[in-house]
Amino acid sequence: MSEQRNTPRVDICVDVKITDTEGNTRKVKSQNVSSTGLFLTVDAPLPPVGSLINVQVTSMLGDGEEPPINQAKVIRHADMGIGLQFLFDE
């Protein structure tokens, strides 16, 4: 597989809640993150490539505020999980 990343990734393992468009929620773990996306360790069934999901870190932030919910698109499947691209409002 050729390297296609445009931004550096940071290996980080945190608990993440993902919610699909039908409201189904699962808790998974991150493997790495960048400014444009992240990779999550996810057991089957995997959300389909192209599907939209909401992503939220499950631990509180430094000042005790709740982490934001970010929308992301599934861009690839891998042996251990899924690659996501963050969607930003333009």
PDB file of N, CA and C in Angstrom:
ATOM      1  N   MET A   1       0.850  -1.176   0.000  1.00  0.00           N
ATOM      2  CA  MET A   1       0.000   0.000   0.000  1.00  0.00           C
ATOM      3  C   MET A   1       0.892   1.235   0.000  1.00  0.00           C
ATOM      4  N   SER A   2       0.649   2.153  -0.885  1.00  0.00           N
ATOM      5  CA  SER A   2       1.439   3.369  -0.940  1.00  0.00           C
ATOM      6  C   SER A   2       0.976   4.336   0.148  1.00  0.00           C
ATOM      7  N   GLU A   3       1.915   5.138   0.614  1.00  0.00           N
ATOM      8  CA  GLU A   3       1.614   6.125   1.645  1.00  0.00           C
ATOM      9  C   GLU A   3       0.890   7.314   1.013  1.00  0.00           C
ATOM     10  N   GLN A   4      -0.339   7.594   1.477  1.00  0.00           N
ATOM     11  CA  GLN A   4      -1.137   8.659   0.908  1.00  0.00           C
ATOM     12  C   GLN A   4      -1.447   9.760   1.917  1.00  0.00           C
ATOM     13  N   ARG A   5      -0.881   9.712   3.077  1.00  0.00           N
ATOM     14  CA  ARG A   5      -1.198  10.695   4.105  1.00  0.00           C
ATOM     15  C   ARG A   5      -0.527  12.028   3.816  1.00  0.00           C
ATOM     16  N   ASN A   6      -1.288  13.095   4.010  1.00  0.00           N
ATOM     17  CA  ASN A   6      -0.756  14.440   3.827  1.00  0.00           C
ATOM     18  C   ASN A   6      -0.415  15.108   5.146  1.00  0.00           C
ATOM     19  N   THR A   7      -0.885  14.533   6.243  1.00  0.00           N
ATOM     20  CA  THR A   7      -0.619  15.107   7.566  1.00  0.00           C
ATOM     21  C   THR A   7      -0.053  14.025   8.475  1.00  0.00           C
ATOM     22  N   PRO A   8       0.824  14.399   9.399  1.00  0.00           N
ATOM     23  CA  PRO A   8       1.413  13.397  10.300  1.00  0.00           C
ATOM     24  C   PRO A   8       0.368  12.805  11.235  1.00  0.00           C
ATOM     25  N   ARG A   9       0.553  11.546  11.566  1.00  0.00           N
ATOM     26  CA  ARG A   9      -0.319  10.847  12.508  1.00  0.00           C
ATOM     27  C   ARG A   9       0.408  10.678  13.831  1.00  0.00           C
ATOM     28  N   VAL A  10      -0.377  10.679  14.900  1.00  0.00           N
ATOM     29  CA  VAL A  10       0.141  10.462  16.247  1.00  0.00           C
ATOM     30  C   VAL A  10      -0.518   9.212  16.797  1.00  0.00           C
ATOM     31  N   ASP A  11       0.292   8.248  17.223  1.00  0.00           N
ATOM     32  CA  ASP A  11      -0.262   7.045  17.845  1.00  0.00           C
ATOM     33  C   ASP A  11      -0.845   7.414  19.201  1.00  0.00           C
ATOM     34  N   ILE A  12      -2.126   7.102  19.388  1.00  0.00           N
ATOM     35  CA  ILE A  12      -2.793   7.401  20.652  1.00  0.00           C
ATOM     36  C   ILE A  12      -3.959   6.431  20.816  1.00  0.00           C
ATOM     37  N   CYS A  13      -4.054   5.849  21.986  1.00  0.00           N
ATOM     38  CA  CYS A  13      -5.125   4.898  22.268  1.00  0.00           C
ATOM     39  C   CYS A  13      -6.055   5.506  23.316  1.00  0.00           C
ATOM     40  N   VAL A  14      -7.233   5.918  22.875  1.00  0.00           N
ATOM     41  CA  VAL A  14      -8.255   6.457  23.777  1.00  0.00           C
ATOM     42  C   VAL A  14      -9.589   5.802  23.454  1.00  0.00           C
ATOM     43  N   ASP A  15     -10.482   5.798  24.419  1.00  0.00           N
ATOM     44  CA  ASP A  15     -11.824   5.274  24.192  1.00  0.00           C
ATOM     45  C   ASP A  15     -12.624   6.279  23.385  1.00  0.00           C
ATOM     46  N   VAL A  16     -13.318   5.776  22.384  1.00  0.00           N
ATOM     47  CA  VAL A  16     -14.092   6.607  21.469  1.00  0.00           C
ATOM     48  C   VAL A  16     -15.476   5.998  21.306  1.00  0.00           C
ATOM     49  N   LYS A  17     -16.495   6.858  21.279  1.00  0.00           N
ATOM     50  CA  LYS A  17     -17.861   6.413  20.994  1.00  0.00           C
ATOM     51  C   LYS A  17     -18.161   6.770  19.544  1.00  0.00           C
ATOM     52  N   ILE A  18     -18.649   5.784  18.776  1.00  0.00           N
ATOM     53  CA  ILE A  18     -19.070   6.061  17.404  1.00  0.00           C
ATOM     54  C   ILE A  18     -20.566   5.793  17.289  1.00  0.00           C
ATOM     55  N   THR A  19     -21.235   6.633  16.518  1.00  0.00           N
ATOM     56  CA  THR A  19     -22.681   6.513  16.321  1.00  0.00           C
ATOM     57  C   THR A  19     -22.958   6.633  14.835  1.00  0.00           C
ATOM     58  N   ASP A  20     -23.675   5.632  14.275  1.00  0.00           N
ATOM     59  CA  ASP A  20     -24.000   5.687  12.850  1.00  0.00           C
ATOM     60  C   ASP A  20     -25.266   6.510  12.630  1.00  0.00           C
ATOM     61  N   THR A  21     -25.659   6.666  11.374  1.00  0.00           N
ATOM     62  CA  THR A  21     -26.800   7.516  11.027  1.00  0.00           C
ATOM     63  C   THR A  21     -28.124   6.957  11.533  1.00  0.00           C
ATOM     64  N   GLU A  22     -28.149   5.680  11.917  1.00  0.00           N
ATOM     65  CA  GLU A  22     -29.371   5.069  12.460  1.00  0.00           C
ATOM     66  C   GLU A  22     -29.416   5.149  13.982  1.00  0.00           C
ATOM     67  N   GLY A  23     -28.394   5.738  14.590  1.00  0.00           N
ATOM     68  CA  GLY A  23     -28.365   5.894  16.038  1.00  0.00           C
ATOM     69  C   GLY A  23     -27.707   4.750  16.786  1.00  0.00           C
ATOM     70  N   ASN A  24     -27.145   3.773  16.069  1.00  0.00           N
ATOM     71  CA  ASN A  24     -26.449   2.662  16.714  1.00  0.00           C
ATOM     72  C   ASN A  24     -25.100   3.157  17.232  1.00  0.00           C
ATOM     73  N   THR A  25     -24.834   2.870  18.510  1.00  0.00           N
ATOM     74  CA  THR A  25     -23.628   3.366  19.161  1.00  0.00           C
ATOM     75  C   THR A  25     -22.756   2.215  19.615  1.00  0.00           C
ATOM     76  N   ARG A  26     -21.436   2.407  19.488  1.00  0.00           N
ATOM     77  CA  ARG A  26     -20.454   1.435  19.984  1.00  0.00           C
ATOM     78  C   ARG A  26     -19.285   2.183  20.599  1.00  0.00           C
ATOM     79  N   LYS A  27     -18.645   1.540  21.553  1.00  0.00           N
ATOM     80  CA  LYS A  27     -17.405   2.074  22.106  1.00  0.00           C
ATOM     81  C   LYS A  27     -16.255   1.282  21.492  1.00  0.00           C
ATOM     82  N   VAL A  28     -15.258   2.028  20.981  1.00  0.00           N
ATOM     83  CA  VAL A  28     -14.103   1.440  20.317  1.00  0.00           C
ATOM     84  C   VAL A  28     -12.849   2.158  20.831  1.00  0.00           C
ATOM     85  N   LYS A  29     -11.694   1.806  20.293  1.00  0.00           N
ATOM     86  CA  LYS A  29     -10.433   2.448  20.677  1.00  0.00           C
ATOM     87  C   LYS A  29      -9.792   3.077  19.452  1.00  0.00           C
ATOM     88  N   SER A  30      -9.168   4.233  19.674  1.00  0.00           N
ATOM     89  CA  SER A  30      -8.397   4.849  18.600  1.00  0.00           C
ATOM     90  C   SER A  30      -7.037   4.160  18.529  1.00  0.00           C
ATOM     91  N   GLN A  31      -6.442   4.232  17.350  1.00  0.00           N
ATOM     92  CA  GLN A  31      -5.086   3.720  17.168  1.00  0.00           C
ATOM     93  C   GLN A  31      -4.133   4.869  16.845  1.00  0.00           C
ATOM     94  N   ASN A  32      -4.608   5.799  16.006  1.00  0.00           N
ATOM     95  CA  ASN A  32      -3.835   6.995  15.716  1.00  0.00           C
ATOM     96  C   ASN A  32      -4.772   8.092  15.244  1.00  0.00           C
ATOM     97  N   VAL A  33      -4.257   9.324  15.255  1.00  0.00           N
ATOM     98  CA  VAL A  33      -5.074  10.476  14.882  1.00  0.00           C
ATOM     99  C   VAL A  33      -4.190  11.514  14.192  1.00  0.00           C
ATOM    100  N   SER A  34      -4.805  12.289  13.305  1.00  0.00           N
ATOM    101  CA  SER A  34      -4.139  13.422  12.670  1.00  0.00           C
ATOM    102  C   SER A  34      -5.133  14.573  12.636  1.00  0.00           C
ATOM    103  N   SER A  35      -4.750  15.660  12.030  1.00  0.00           N
ATOM    104  CA  SER A  35      -5.671  16.795  11.932  1.00  0.00           C
ATOM    105  C   SER A  35      -6.806  16.531  10.949  1.00  0.00           C
ATOM    106  N   THR A  36      -6.664  15.518  10.102  1.00  0.00           N
ATOM    107  CA  THR A  36      -7.688  15.251   9.085  1.00  0.00           C
ATOM    108  C   THR A  36      -8.455  13.954   9.290  1.00  0.00           C
ATOM    109  N   GLY A  37      -8.024  13.110  10.222  1.00  0.00           N
ATOM    110  CA  GLY A  37      -8.730  11.842  10.409  1.00  0.00           C
ATOM    111  C   GLY A  37      -8.144  11.013  11.524  1.00  0.00           C
ATOM    112  N   LEU A  38      -8.635   9.781  11.607  1.00  0.00           N
ATOM    113  CA  LEU A  38      -8.142   8.864  12.620  1.00  0.00           C
ATOM    114  C   LEU A  38      -8.400   7.427  12.196  1.00  0.00           C
ATOM    115  N   PHE A  39      -7.714   6.519  12.861  1.00  0.00           N
ATOM    116  CA  PHE A  39      -7.922   5.094  12.646  1.00  0.00           C
ATOM    117  C   PHE A  39      -8.455   4.518  13.941  1.00  0.00           C
ATOM    118  N   LEU A  40      -9.535   3.734  13.828  1.00  0.00           N
ATOM    119  CA  LEU A  40     -10.168   3.115  14.994  1.00  0.00           C
ATOM    120  C   LEU A  40     -10.079   1.606  14.904  1.00  0.00           C
ATOM    121  N   THR A  41      -9.793   0.972  16.016  1.00  0.00           N
ATOM    122  CA  THR A  41      -9.849  -0.482  16.109  1.00  0.00           C
ATOM    123  C   THR A  41     -11.312  -0.854  16.331  1.00  0.00           C
ATOM    124  N   VAL A  42     -11.896  -1.544  15.358  1.00  0.00           N
ATOM    125  CA  VAL A  42     -13.329  -1.861  15.384  1.00  0.00           C
ATOM    126  C   VAL A  42     -13.522  -3.316  14.998  1.00  0.00           C
ATOM    127  N   ASP A  43     -14.299  -4.046  15.796  1.00  0.00           N
ATOM    128  CA  ASP A  43     -14.673  -5.418  15.443  1.00  0.00           C
ATOM    129  C   ASP A  43     -15.836  -5.395  14.456  1.00  0.00           C
ATOM    130  N   ALA A  44     -15.993  -6.481  13.728  1.00  0.00           N
ATOM    131  CA  ALA A  44     -17.113  -6.622  12.785  1.00  0.00           C
ATOM    132  C   ALA A  44     -18.425  -6.542  13.557  1.00  0.00           C
ATOM    133  N   PRO A  45     -19.449  -6.027  12.935  1.00  0.00           N
ATOM    134  CA  PRO A  45     -19.494  -5.556  11.551  1.00  0.00           C
ATOM    135  C   PRO A  45     -18.931  -4.146  11.437  1.00  0.00           C
ATOM    136  N   LEU A  46     -18.180  -3.918  10.354  1.00  0.00           N
ATOM    137  CA  LEU A  46     -17.591  -2.607  10.108  1.00  0.00           C
ATOM    138  C   LEU A  46     -18.587  -1.718   9.393  1.00  0.00           C
ATOM    139  N   PRO A  47     -18.623  -0.436   9.743  1.00  0.00           N
ATOM    140  CA  PRO A  47     -19.483   0.480   8.991  1.00  0.00           C
ATOM    141  C   PRO A  47     -18.997   0.506   7.536  1.00  0.00           C
ATOM    142  N   PRO A  48     -19.897   0.581   6.569  1.00  0.00           N
ATOM    143  CA  PRO A  48     -19.489   0.549   5.163  1.00  0.00           C
ATOM    144  C   PRO A  48     -18.611   1.740   4.779  1.00  0.00           C
ATOM    145  N   VAL A  49     -17.685   1.484   3.853  1.00  0.00           N
ATOM    146  CA  VAL A  49     -16.892   2.576   3.293  1.00  0.00           C
ATOM    147  C   VAL A  49     -17.852   3.583   2.668  1.00  0.00           C
ATOM    148  N   GLY A  50     -17.636   4.857   2.937  1.00  0.00           N
ATOM    149  CA  GLY A  50     -18.496   5.920   2.445  1.00  0.00           C
ATOM    150  C   GLY A  50     -19.564   6.349   3.431  1.00  0.00           C
ATOM    151  N   SER A  51     -19.781   5.549   4.470  1.00  0.00           N
ATOM    152  CA  SER A  51     -20.818   5.911   5.447  1.00  0.00           C
ATOM    153  C   SER A  51     -20.322   7.012   6.379  1.00  0.00           C
ATOM    154  N   LEU A  52     -21.277   7.757   6.933  1.00  0.00           N
ATOM    155  CA  LEU A  52     -20.983   8.835   7.866  1.00  0.00           C
ATOM    156  C   LEU A  52     -21.232   8.356   9.290  1.00  0.00           C
ATOM    157  N   ILE A  53     -20.350   8.728  10.193  1.00  0.00           N
ATOM    158  CA  ILE A  53     -20.528   8.390  11.605  1.00  0.00           C
ATOM    159  C   ILE A  53     -20.126   9.590  12.449  1.00  0.00           C
ATOM    160  N   ASN A  54     -20.678   9.659  13.643  1.00  0.00           N
ATOM    161  CA  ASN A  54     -20.269  10.658  14.631  1.00  0.00           C
ATOM    162  C   ASN A  54     -19.242  10.016  15.543  1.00  0.00           C
ATOM    163  N   VAL A  55     -18.222  10.785  15.889  1.00  0.00           N
ATOM    164  CA  VAL A  55     -17.096  10.303  16.683  1.00  0.00           C
ATOM    165  C   VAL A  55     -16.941  11.223  17.892  1.00  0.00           C
ATOM    166  N   GLN A  56     -16.798  10.615  19.089  1.00  0.00           N
ATOM    167  CA  GLN A  56     -16.607  11.409  20.300  1.00  0.00           C
ATOM    168  C   GLN A  56     -15.693  10.660  21.263  1.00  0.00           C
ATOM    169  N   VAL A  57     -14.633  11.333  21.723  1.00  0.00           N
ATOM    170  CA  VAL A  57     -13.785  10.775  22.775  1.00  0.00           C
ATOM    171  C   VAL A  57     -14.657  10.662  24.018  1.00  0.00           C
ATOM    172  N   THR A  58     -14.524   9.572  24.780  1.00  0.00           N
ATOM    173  CA  THR A  58     -15.442   9.359  25.902  1.00  0.00           C
ATOM    174  C   THR A  58     -14.953   9.917  27.227  1.00  0.00           C
ATOM    175  N   SER A  59     -13.689  10.349  27.333  1.00  0.00           N
ATOM    176  CA  SER A  59     -13.228  10.930  28.592  1.00  0.00           C
ATOM    177  C   SER A  59     -13.366  12.451  28.549  1.00  0.00           C
ATOM    178  N   MET A  60     -13.494  13.039  29.704  1.00  0.00           N
ATOM    179  CA  MET A  60     -13.641  14.487  29.799  1.00  0.00           C
ATOM    180  C   MET A  60     -12.338  15.175  29.410  1.00  0.00           C
ATOM    181  N   LEU A  61     -12.446  16.396  28.944  1.00  0.00           N
ATOM    182  CA  LEU A  61     -11.271  17.179  28.598  1.00  0.00           C
ATOM    183  C   LEU A  61     -10.663  17.792  29.855  1.00  0.00           C
ATOM    184  N   GLY A  62      -9.539  18.486  29.700  1.00  0.00           N
ATOM    185  CA  GLY A  62      -8.781  19.014  30.831  1.00  0.00           C
ATOM    186  C   GLY A  62      -9.565  19.859  31.805  1.00  0.00           C
ATOM    187  N   ASP A  63     -10.484  20.677  31.327  1.00  0.00           N
ATOM    188  CA  ASP A  63     -11.255  21.548  32.220  1.00  0.00           C
ATOM    189  C   ASP A  63     -12.582  20.929  32.628  1.00  0.00           C
ATOM    190  N   GLY A  64     -12.769  19.633  32.340  1.00  0.00           N
ATOM    191  CA  GLY A  64     -13.988  18.948  32.730  1.00  0.00           C
ATOM    192  C   GLY A  64     -15.124  19.072  31.730  1.00  0.00           C
ATOM    193  N   GLU A  65     -14.887  19.774  30.611  1.00  0.00           N
ATOM    194  CA  GLU A  65     -15.955  19.892  29.619  1.00  0.00           C
ATOM    195  C   GLU A  65     -16.052  18.610  28.793  1.00  0.00           C
ATOM    196  N   GLU A  66     -17.238  18.393  28.256  1.00  0.00           N
ATOM    197  CA  GLU A  66     -17.487  17.212  27.439  1.00  0.00           C
ATOM    198  C   GLU A  66     -16.842  17.389  26.071  1.00  0.00           C
ATOM    199  N   PRO A  67     -16.175  16.342  25.559  1.00  0.00           N
ATOM    200  CA  PRO A  67     -15.550  16.442  24.240  1.00  0.00           C
ATOM    201  C   PRO A  67     -16.594  16.669  23.148  1.00  0.00           C
ATOM    202  N   PRO A  68     -16.204  17.377  22.089  1.00  0.00           N
ATOM    203  CA  PRO A  68     -17.142  17.617  20.996  1.00  0.00           C
ATOM    204  C   PRO A  68     -17.439  16.348  20.218  1.00  0.00           C
ATOM    205  N   ILE A  69     -18.552  16.366  19.510  1.00  0.00           N
ATOM    206  CA  ILE A  69     -18.902  15.281  18.589  1.00  0.00           C
ATOM    207  C   ILE A  69     -18.488  15.741  17.198  1.00  0.00           C
ATOM    208  N   ASN A  70     -17.699  14.931  16.522  1.00  0.00           N
ATOM    209  CA  ASN A  70     -17.217  15.261  15.192  1.00  0.00           C
ATOM    210  C   ASN A  70     -17.795  14.276  14.185  1.00  0.00           C
ATOM    211  N   GLN A  71     -18.150  14.774  13.007  1.00  0.00           N
ATOM    212  CA  GLN A  71     -18.640  13.894  11.959  1.00  0.00           C
ATOM    213  C   GLN A  71     -17.459  13.452  11.104  1.00  0.00           C
ATOM    214  N   ALA A  72     -17.478  12.188  10.716  1.00  0.00           N
ATOM    215  CA  ALA A  72     -16.405  11.625   9.906  1.00  0.00           C
ATOM    216  C   ALA A  72     -16.992  10.670   8.874  1.00  0.00           C
ATOM    217  N   LYS A  73     -16.203  10.420   7.847  1.00  0.00           N
ATOM    218  CA  LYS A  73     -16.586   9.512   6.771  1.00  0.00           C
ATOM    219  C   LYS A  73     -15.633   8.323   6.786  1.00  0.00           C
ATOM    220  N   VAL A  74     -16.183   7.114   6.685  1.00  0.00           N
ATOM    221  CA  VAL A  74     -15.357   5.914   6.606  1.00  0.00           C
ATOM    222  C   VAL A  74     -14.710   5.895   5.223  1.00  0.00           C
ATOM    223  N   ILE A  75     -13.364   5.910   5.188  1.00  0.00           N
ATOM    224  CA  ILE A  75     -12.686   5.936   3.895  1.00  0.00           C
ATOM    225  C   ILE A  75     -11.952   4.640   3.569  1.00  0.00           C
ATOM    226  N   ARG A  76     -11.768   3.778   4.584  1.00  0.00           N
ATOM    227  CA  ARG A  76     -11.157   2.481   4.280  1.00  0.00           C
ATOM    228  C   ARG A  76     -11.381   1.487   5.397  1.00  0.00           C
ATOM    229  N   HIS A  77     -11.326   0.225   5.019  1.00  0.00           N
ATOM    230  CA  HIS A  77     -11.332  -0.885   5.966  1.00  0.00           C
ATOM    231  C   HIS A  77      -9.932  -1.473   5.995  1.00  0.00           C
ATOM    232  N   ALA A  78      -9.517  -1.957   7.148  1.00  0.00           N
ATOM    233  CA  ALA A  78      -8.235  -2.638   7.310  1.00  0.00           C
ATOM    234  C   ALA A  78      -8.461  -3.843   8.214  1.00  0.00           C
ATOM    235  N   ASP A  79      -7.427  -4.666   8.365  1.00  0.00           N
ATOM    236  CA  ASP A  79      -7.561  -5.878   9.186  1.00  0.00           C
ATOM    237  C   ASP A  79      -8.031  -5.591  10.599  1.00  0.00           C
ATOM    238  N   MET A  80      -7.583  -4.490  11.170  1.00  0.00           N
ATOM    239  CA  MET A  80      -7.877  -4.207  12.576  1.00  0.00           C
ATOM    240  C   MET A  80      -8.937  -3.134  12.788  1.00  0.00           C
ATOM    241  N   GLY A  81      -9.521  -2.585  11.702  1.00  0.00           N
ATOM    242  CA  GLY A  81     -10.500  -1.539  11.946  1.00  0.00           C
ATOM    243  C   GLY A  81     -10.814  -0.695  10.730  1.00  0.00           C
ATOM    244  N   ILE A  82     -11.038   0.610  10.980  1.00  0.00           N
ATOM    245  CA  ILE A  82     -11.475   1.520   9.928  1.00  0.00           C
ATOM    246  C   ILE A  82     -10.703   2.825   9.958  1.00  0.00           C
ATOM    247  N   GLY A  83     -10.479   3.378   8.776  1.00  0.00           N
ATOM    248  CA  GLY A  83      -9.881   4.699   8.641  1.00  0.00           C
ATOM    249  C   GLY A  83     -10.971   5.708   8.391  1.00  0.00           C
ATOM    250  N   LEU A  84     -10.940   6.812   9.108  1.00  0.00           N
ATOM    251  CA  LEU A  84     -11.952   7.851   8.994  1.00  0.00           C
ATOM    252  C   LEU A  84     -11.326   9.176   8.578  1.00  0.00           C
ATOM    253  N   GLN A  85     -12.096   9.943   7.807  1.00  0.00           N
ATOM    254  CA  GLN A  85     -11.709  11.297   7.452  1.00  0.00           C
ATOM    255  C   GLN A  85     -12.700  12.243   8.108  1.00  0.00           C
ATOM    256  N   PHE A  86     -12.182  13.219   8.867  1.00  0.00           N
ATOM    257  CA  PHE A  86     -13.063  14.194   9.492  1.00  0.00           C
ATOM    258  C   PHE A  86     -13.746  15.038   8.420  1.00  0.00           C
ATOM    259  N   LEU A  87     -14.993  15.409   8.668  1.00  0.00           N
ATOM    260  CA  LEU A  87     -15.731  16.304   7.787  1.00  0.00           C
ATOM    261  C   LEU A  87     -15.826  17.642   8.482  1.00  0.00           C
ATOM    262  N   PHE A  88     -15.465  18.688   7.787  1.00  0.00           N
ATOM    263  CA  PHE A  88     -15.463  20.023   8.358  1.00  0.00           C
ATOM    264  C   PHE A  88     -16.461  20.883   7.644  1.00  0.00           C
ATOM    265  N   ASP A  89     -17.175  21.749   8.397  1.00  0.00           N
ATOM    266  CA  ASP A  89     -18.074  22.723   7.777  1.00  0.00           C
ATOM    267  C   ASP A  89     -17.221  23.761   7.049  1.00  0.00           C
ATOM    268  N   GLU A  90     -17.627  24.080   5.849  1.00  0.00           N
ATOM    269  CA  GLU A  90     -16.859  25.053   5.064  1.00  0.00           C
ATOM    270  C   GLU A  90     -17.525  26.396   5.112  1.00  0.00           C
TER     271      GLU A  90
END
